[in-house]
Amino acid sequence: MSITSSCILLGGRPFLAQYGAVLAAALTAYVGDVRERGMLLLFPVMDLLLVQYPQEGAQLLGPALQVGSDVHGGGRCLARRVCGTHANMSVSAWPARR
């Protein structure tokens, strides 16, 4: 996951434009197939996408977050991470007011 985080940070928007859909598909597939501990490793990458690229990240990660909240409903630690990531996504999708 640290390689993915590095690519997101260093690659910028060109990386996201070229590999965003593939990354989102992989995250969505992993979210449904890993245990709680694996989810806790995936969420920092998802959070990073939402923080670095709010609009694009929210669009890309919508399906992954839906799968995550449906599949993994247990565990307080996981619930906090899911809520935090959903909050980041909600704020990212909020229209900017001037």
Protein backbone atom coordinates (compact mmCIF):
# COMPACT_ATOMS: atom_id res chain seq x y z
CA MET A 1 0.00 0.00 0.00
CA SER A 2 2.91 2.36 0.56
CA ILE A 3 3.88 2.05 -3.12
CA THR A 4 0.35 2.98 -4.11
CA SER A 5 0.39 5.95 -1.74
CA SER A 6 3.72 7.09 -3.17
CA CYS A 7 2.38 6.86 -6.72
CA ILE A 8 -0.67 8.91 -5.75
CA LEU A 9 1.49 11.59 -4.14
CA LEU A 10 4.28 11.72 -6.71
CA GLY A 11 2.34 10.94 -9.88
CA GLY A 12 -0.23 13.67 -9.40
CA ARG A 13 -3.15 14.14 -11.73
CA PRO A 14 -1.42 12.41 -14.68
CA PHE A 15 -1.15 9.22 -12.58
CA LEU A 16 -4.76 9.53 -11.53
CA ALA A 17 -5.91 10.14 -15.10
CA GLN A 18 -4.04 7.11 -16.41
CA TYR A 19 -4.51 4.64 -13.56
CA GLY A 20 -7.43 5.98 -11.52
CA ALA A 21 -10.02 3.60 -12.91
CA VAL A 22 -7.72 0.60 -12.47
CA LEU A 23 -6.86 1.65 -8.92
CA ALA A 24 -10.53 2.13 -8.06
CA ALA A 25 -11.43 -1.29 -9.49
CA ALA A 26 -8.63 -2.94 -7.52
CA LEU A 27 -9.62 -1.22 -4.28
CA THR A 28 -13.25 -2.19 -4.82
CA ALA A 29 -12.24 -5.83 -5.41
CA TYR A 30 -9.99 -5.90 -2.35
CA VAL A 31 -12.56 -4.27 -0.07
CA GLY A 32 -14.94 -7.15 -0.58
CA ASP A 33 -12.29 -9.85 -0.15
CA VAL A 34 -10.15 -8.90 2.86
CA ARG A 35 -10.71 -9.17 6.59
CA GLU A 36 -10.99 -6.24 8.96
CA ARG A 37 -7.22 -5.90 9.30
CA GLY A 38 -6.87 -5.72 5.53
CA MET A 39 -9.53 -3.04 5.42
CA LEU A 40 -7.53 -1.00 7.90
CA LEU A 41 -4.61 -1.14 5.46
CA LEU A 42 -6.75 -0.09 2.50
CA PHE A 43 -8.43 2.92 4.11
CA PRO A 44 -5.31 5.14 4.35
CA VAL A 45 -4.90 4.85 0.56
CA MET A 46 -8.56 5.71 0.07
CA ASP A 47 -8.28 8.65 2.46
CA LEU A 48 -5.19 9.88 0.63
CA LEU A 49 -7.05 9.82 -2.68
CA LEU A 50 -9.89 11.81 -1.17
CA VAL A 51 -7.60 14.37 0.43
CA GLN A 52 -5.33 14.87 -2.59
CA TYR A 53 -8.02 14.75 -5.27
CA PRO A 54 -11.38 15.52 -3.66
CA GLN A 55 -13.63 15.53 -6.72
CA GLU A 56 -11.97 12.69 -8.62
CA GLY A 57 -11.43 10.61 -5.49
CA ALA A 58 -15.08 10.81 -4.50
CA GLN A 59 -16.14 9.65 -7.95
CA LEU A 60 -13.59 6.84 -8.08
CA LEU A 61 -14.11 5.51 -4.57
CA GLY A 62 -17.89 5.63 -4.34
CA PRO A 63 -18.34 1.95 -5.29
CA ALA A 64 -15.49 0.79 -3.04
CA LEU A 65 -16.90 2.59 -0.03
CA GLN A 66 -20.35 1.19 -0.68
CA VAL A 67 -18.95 -2.34 -0.81
CA GLY A 68 -16.93 -1.69 2.36
CA SER A 69 -19.89 -0.51 4.36
CA ASP A 70 -22.05 -3.40 3.14
CA VAL A 71 -19.53 -6.22 3.62
CA HIS A 72 -17.72 -5.21 6.79
CA GLY A 73 -20.22 -4.00 9.32
CA GLY A 74 -18.43 -5.15 12.47
CA GLY A 75 -15.68 -3.75 14.62
CA ARG A 76 -15.53 -0.33 16.24
CA CYS A 77 -12.11 0.48 14.80
CA LEU A 78 -13.28 -0.35 11.29
CA ALA A 79 -16.49 1.58 11.82
CA ARG A 80 -14.50 4.68 12.76
CA ARG A 81 -12.38 4.37 9.61
CA VAL A 82 -15.44 3.87 7.41
CA CYS A 83 -17.13 6.90 8.98
CA GLY A 84 -13.98 9.00 8.56
CA THR A 85 -13.60 8.02 4.92
CA HIS A 86 -17.29 8.66 4.25
CA ALA A 87 -16.92 12.06 5.92
CA ASN A 88 -13.94 12.90 3.69
CA MET A 89 -15.93 11.84 0.66
CA SER A 90 -18.94 13.92 1.70
CA VAL A 91 -16.85 17.01 2.28
CA SER A 92 -15.00 16.45 -1.00
CA ALA A 93 -18.24 16.24 -2.94
CA TRP A 94 -19.67 19.35 -1.25
CA PRO A 95 -19.87 22.25 -3.71
CA ALA A 96 -17.47 25.08 -2.96
CA ARG A 97 -19.15 28.27 -1.82
CA ARG A 98 -17.66 31.64 -2.60
